[in-house]
Amino acid sequence: MDANSRDLIMRSTRIAEWILGLATSRDRAVSMAGDLIEEAAPRGLAWFWTGVLRIMASLLWSGIAQNPMRMAGVALVGLAVDVVASMLLAGLTGVVFFLESWRGHQIQLNPVWLALALKASALVISILIGRMLARLAPGHELCACLVYAILGSLLSVTLMFVSARDLGFSVLLGMFLSEVAQQTPVPAGAVWGRYRRLAVG
């Protein structure tokens, strides 16, 4: 391996340690990253990063396999909170429209601003759900997020096929990808909760 590749791997060490530290202890993450650096010397940067991803996947899988019922229970609590919060948000939007109509006011809400407000609210809800998952599954925050994402995706697919069977495949796929994208802030909230817990502890 040339000097340039060796430098790239060395500079990647801190990022790799941070990524692995999301699913294990700091000391263990440093040790794993160090082992990868030694093994990557003759193999290159691509092997190093695939190794990081393989170890991360293994850590997440073992975290779920250690206590699958607990992870499923935590994820279901998160999904229940998500459903209730979404219903409350939809209900609040409906109440605003109803009150404005009942008072006789002409509703002239800018649809762009309304869409942005709803998206911002969904983002905040997702981040808070991630923090809640982090509190309910200390040490296994991302495992809980992964199970939450899997169960949420299964629920979304089931509801889409039950309620929108007449829609085309491309529309259903777009709806599914949109639902998955809405879940992406959840791990960010879980990471935030994990680092808050480690900072306090």
Protein backbone atom coordinates (compact mmCIF):
# COMPACT_ATOMS: atom_id res chain seq x y z
CA MET A 1 0.00 0.00 0.00
CA ASP A 2 1.32 3.42 -0.92
CA ALA A 3 1.90 6.24 1.57
CA ASN A 4 -1.20 8.15 0.39
CA SER A 5 -3.54 5.22 1.12
CA ARG A 6 -1.85 4.69 4.49
CA ASP A 7 -2.44 8.34 5.38
CA LEU A 8 -6.10 8.11 4.33
CA ILE A 9 -6.62 5.09 6.57
CA MET A 10 -4.92 6.80 9.51
CA ARG A 11 -7.09 9.90 9.05
CA SER A 12 -10.16 7.65 8.91
CA THR A 13 -9.37 6.11 12.29
CA ARG A 14 -11.24 8.69 14.37
CA ILE A 15 -14.34 8.43 12.18
CA ALA A 16 -14.24 4.63 12.40
CA GLU A 17 -13.85 4.79 16.19
CA TRP A 18 -16.84 7.14 16.41
CA ILE A 19 -19.00 4.90 14.22
CA LEU A 20 -18.12 1.74 16.15
CA GLY A 21 -18.54 3.65 19.42
CA LEU A 22 -22.22 4.07 18.59
CA ALA A 23 -22.76 0.35 19.21
CA THR A 24 -20.10 -0.54 21.79
CA SER A 25 -17.89 1.00 24.46
CA ARG A 26 -15.30 3.64 23.57
CA ASP A 27 -12.34 1.43 24.57
CA ARG A 28 -13.64 -1.50 22.55
CA ALA A 29 -14.26 0.74 19.53
CA VAL A 30 -10.67 2.05 19.68
CA SER A 31 -9.34 -1.51 19.92
CA MET A 32 -11.45 -2.70 16.97
CA ALA A 33 -10.43 0.26 14.81
CA GLY A 34 -6.77 -0.39 15.68
CA ASP A 35 -7.07 -4.04 14.66
CA LEU A 36 -8.67 -3.00 11.37
CA ILE A 37 -5.87 -0.53 10.65
CA GLU A 38 -3.26 -3.26 11.10
CA GLU A 39 -5.15 -5.66 8.83
CA ALA A 40 -5.91 -2.96 6.26
CA ALA A 41 -2.24 -2.10 5.70
CA PRO A 42 -1.78 -4.60 2.85
CA ARG A 43 -5.42 -4.52 1.67
CA GLY A 44 -6.29 -0.85 1.27
CA LEU A 45 -8.90 1.74 2.24
CA ALA A 46 -11.92 -0.02 0.70
CA TRP A 47 -11.24 -3.14 2.78
CA PHE A 48 -10.89 -0.97 5.92
CA TRP A 49 -14.33 0.62 5.48
CA THR A 50 -16.06 -2.63 4.54
CA GLY A 51 -14.51 -4.03 7.72
CA VAL A 52 -15.96 -1.16 9.75
CA LEU A 53 -19.41 -1.80 8.24
CA ARG A 54 -19.13 -5.56 8.84
CA ILE A 55 -18.21 -5.05 12.49
CA MET A 56 -20.98 -2.49 12.95
CA ALA A 57 -23.56 -4.86 11.45
CA SER A 58 -22.28 -7.67 13.69
CA LEU A 59 -22.52 -5.48 16.81
CA LEU A 60 -26.08 -4.45 15.95
CA TRP A 61 -27.15 -8.01 15.19
CA SER A 62 -25.63 -9.39 18.41
CA GLY A 63 -27.29 -6.59 20.39
CA ILE A 64 -30.68 -7.57 18.98
CA ALA A 65 -30.06 -11.31 19.30
CA GLN A 66 -29.14 -11.00 23.00
CA ASN A 67 -32.65 -9.85 23.89
CA PRO A 68 -34.98 -9.78 20.86
CA MET A 69 -38.20 -9.50 22.89
CA ARG A 70 -36.95 -6.45 24.78
CA MET A 71 -35.81 -4.77 21.55
CA ALA A 72 -39.17 -5.53 19.93
CA GLY A 73 -41.02 -4.17 22.97
CA VAL A 74 -38.99 -0.95 22.98
CA ALA A 75 -39.54 -0.55 19.22
CA LEU A 76 -43.30 -1.10 19.60
CA VAL A 77 -43.45 1.58 22.29
CA GLY A 78 -41.68 3.93 19.88
CA LEU A 79 -44.12 3.07 17.09
CA ALA A 80 -47.10 3.62 19.39
CA VAL A 81 -45.77 7.05 20.36
CA ASP A 82 -45.17 7.83 16.67
CA VAL A 83 -48.74 6.88 15.71
CA VAL A 84 -50.29 8.86 18.59
CA ALA A 85 -48.11 11.92 17.89
CA SER A 86 -48.96 11.79 14.18
CA MET A 87 -52.68 11.56 14.97
CA LEU A 88 -52.43 14.49 17.38
CA LEU A 89 -50.57 16.54 14.77
CA ALA A 90 -53.20 15.75 12.14
CA GLY A 91 -55.97 16.52 14.62
CA LEU A 92 -54.39 19.85 15.57
CA THR A 93 -54.16 20.80 11.89
CA GLY A 94 -57.82 19.91 11.45
CA VAL A 95 -58.84 21.97 14.51
CA VAL A 96 -56.99 25.01 13.15
CA PHE A 97 -58.84 24.74 9.84
CA PHE A 98 -62.17 24.17 11.60
CA LEU A 99 -61.81 27.16 13.94
CA GLU A 100 -60.80 29.46 11.10
CA SER A 101 -63.78 28.32 9.02
CA TRP A 102 -66.18 28.53 11.97
CA ARG A 103 -65.17 32.13 12.66
CA GLY A 104 -65.88 32.95 9.04
CA HIS A 105 -62.30 33.82 8.19
CA GLN A 106 -60.96 33.11 4.78
CA ILE A 107 -58.15 30.57 5.21
CA GLN A 108 -55.21 31.63 3.18
CA LEU A 109 -52.42 29.42 4.45
CA ASN A 110 -49.46 29.18 2.16
CA PRO A 111 -49.25 25.48 1.21
CA VAL A 112 -45.45 25.61 1.09
CA TRP A 113 -45.21 27.01 4.63
CA LEU A 114 -47.82 24.54 5.86
CA ALA A 115 -45.88 21.61 4.34
CA LEU A 116 -42.64 22.90 5.88
CA ALA A 117 -44.28 23.26 9.30
CA LEU A 118 -45.66 19.71 9.13
CA LYS A 119 -42.27 18.33 8.01
CA ALA A 120 -40.49 20.22 10.80
CA SER A 121 -42.97 18.85 13.34
CA ALA A 122 -42.46 15.29 12.04
CA LEU A 123 -38.67 15.80 12.27
CA VAL A 124 -38.88 16.93 15.90
CA ILE A 125 -41.18 14.01 16.75
CA SER A 126 -38.75 11.52 15.14
CA ILE A 127 -35.76 12.94 17.03
CA LEU A 128 -37.66 12.80 20.32
CA ILE A 129 -38.68 9.21 19.62
CA GLY A 130 -35.00 8.41 19.05
CA ARG A 131 -34.12 9.94 22.40
CA MET A 132 -36.90 7.92 24.03
CA LEU A 133 -35.55 4.71 22.46
CA ALA A 134 -32.10 5.61 23.80
CA ARG A 135 -33.51 5.95 27.33
CA LEU A 136 -35.45 2.68 27.09
CA ALA A 137 -32.52 0.68 25.66
CA PRO A 138 -29.32 2.07 27.20
CA GLY A 139 -26.26 0.58 25.56
CA HIS A 140 -28.35 -0.77 22.67
CA GLU A 141 -29.72 2.48 21.26
CA LEU A 142 -29.06 1.75 17.59
CA CYS A 143 -30.31 -1.83 17.96
CA ALA A 144 -33.64 -0.45 19.16
CA CYS A 145 -33.66 1.99 16.22
CA LEU A 146 -33.01 -0.82 13.76
CA VAL A 147 -35.87 -2.93 15.12
CA TYR A 148 -38.07 0.21 15.15
CA ALA A 149 -37.23 0.83 11.48
CA ILE A 150 -37.92 -2.78 10.49
CA LEU A 151 -41.25 -2.97 12.34
CA GLY A 152 -42.26 0.50 11.13
CA SER A 153 -41.48 -0.42 7.53
CA LEU A 154 -43.47 -3.65 7.82
CA LEU A 155 -46.40 -1.73 9.30
CA SER A 156 -46.21 0.89 6.54
CA VAL A 157 -46.11 -1.73 3.78
CA THR A 158 -49.07 -3.58 5.29
CA LEU A 159 -51.16 -0.42 5.64
CA MET A 160 -50.28 0.72 2.11
CA PHE A 161 -51.33 -2.56 0.54
CA VAL A 162 -54.53 -2.72 2.58
CA SER A 163 -55.62 0.89 2.02
CA ALA A 164 -54.14 1.62 -1.41
CA ARG A 165 -54.25 -1.61 -3.39
CA ASP A 166 -55.45 0.18 -6.53
CA LEU A 167 -52.38 2.41 -6.71
CA GLY A 168 -49.54 1.47 -9.03
CA PHE A 169 -46.29 -0.08 -7.86
CA SER A 170 -44.29 3.10 -8.46
CA VAL A 171 -46.69 5.15 -6.28
CA LEU A 172 -46.56 2.55 -3.50
CA LEU A 173 -42.77 2.44 -3.73
CA GLY A 174 -42.62 6.24 -3.50
CA MET A 175 -44.89 6.20 -0.44
CA PHE A 176 -42.74 3.50 1.18
CA LEU A 177 -39.49 5.38 0.52
CA SER A 178 -41.06 8.55 1.91
CA GLU A 179 -42.03 6.66 5.07
CA VAL A 180 -38.50 5.26 5.41
CA ALA A 181 -37.03 8.75 4.94
CA GLN A 182 -39.22 10.05 7.78
CA GLN A 183 -37.65 7.48 10.10
CA THR A 184 -34.05 8.57 9.42
CA PRO A 185 -33.97 11.25 12.17
CA VAL A 186 -34.76 8.56 14.77
CA PRO A 187 -31.15 7.24 14.93
CA ALA A 188 -29.92 10.84 15.22
CA GLY A 189 -32.11 11.27 18.28
CA ALA A 190 -30.86 7.96 19.69
CA VAL A 191 -27.22 8.98 19.17
CA TRP A 192 -27.96 12.29 20.89
CA GLY A 193 -29.54 10.41 23.81
CA ARG A 194 -26.61 7.98 23.99
CA TYR A 195 -24.00 10.73 24.20
CA ARG A 196 -26.06 12.65 26.75
CA ARG A 197 -26.21 9.50 28.89
CA LEU A 198 -22.47 8.82 28.54
CA ALA A 199 -21.66 12.46 29.32
CA VAL A 200 -23.74 12.38 32.52
CA GLY A 201 -22.47 8.90 33.51
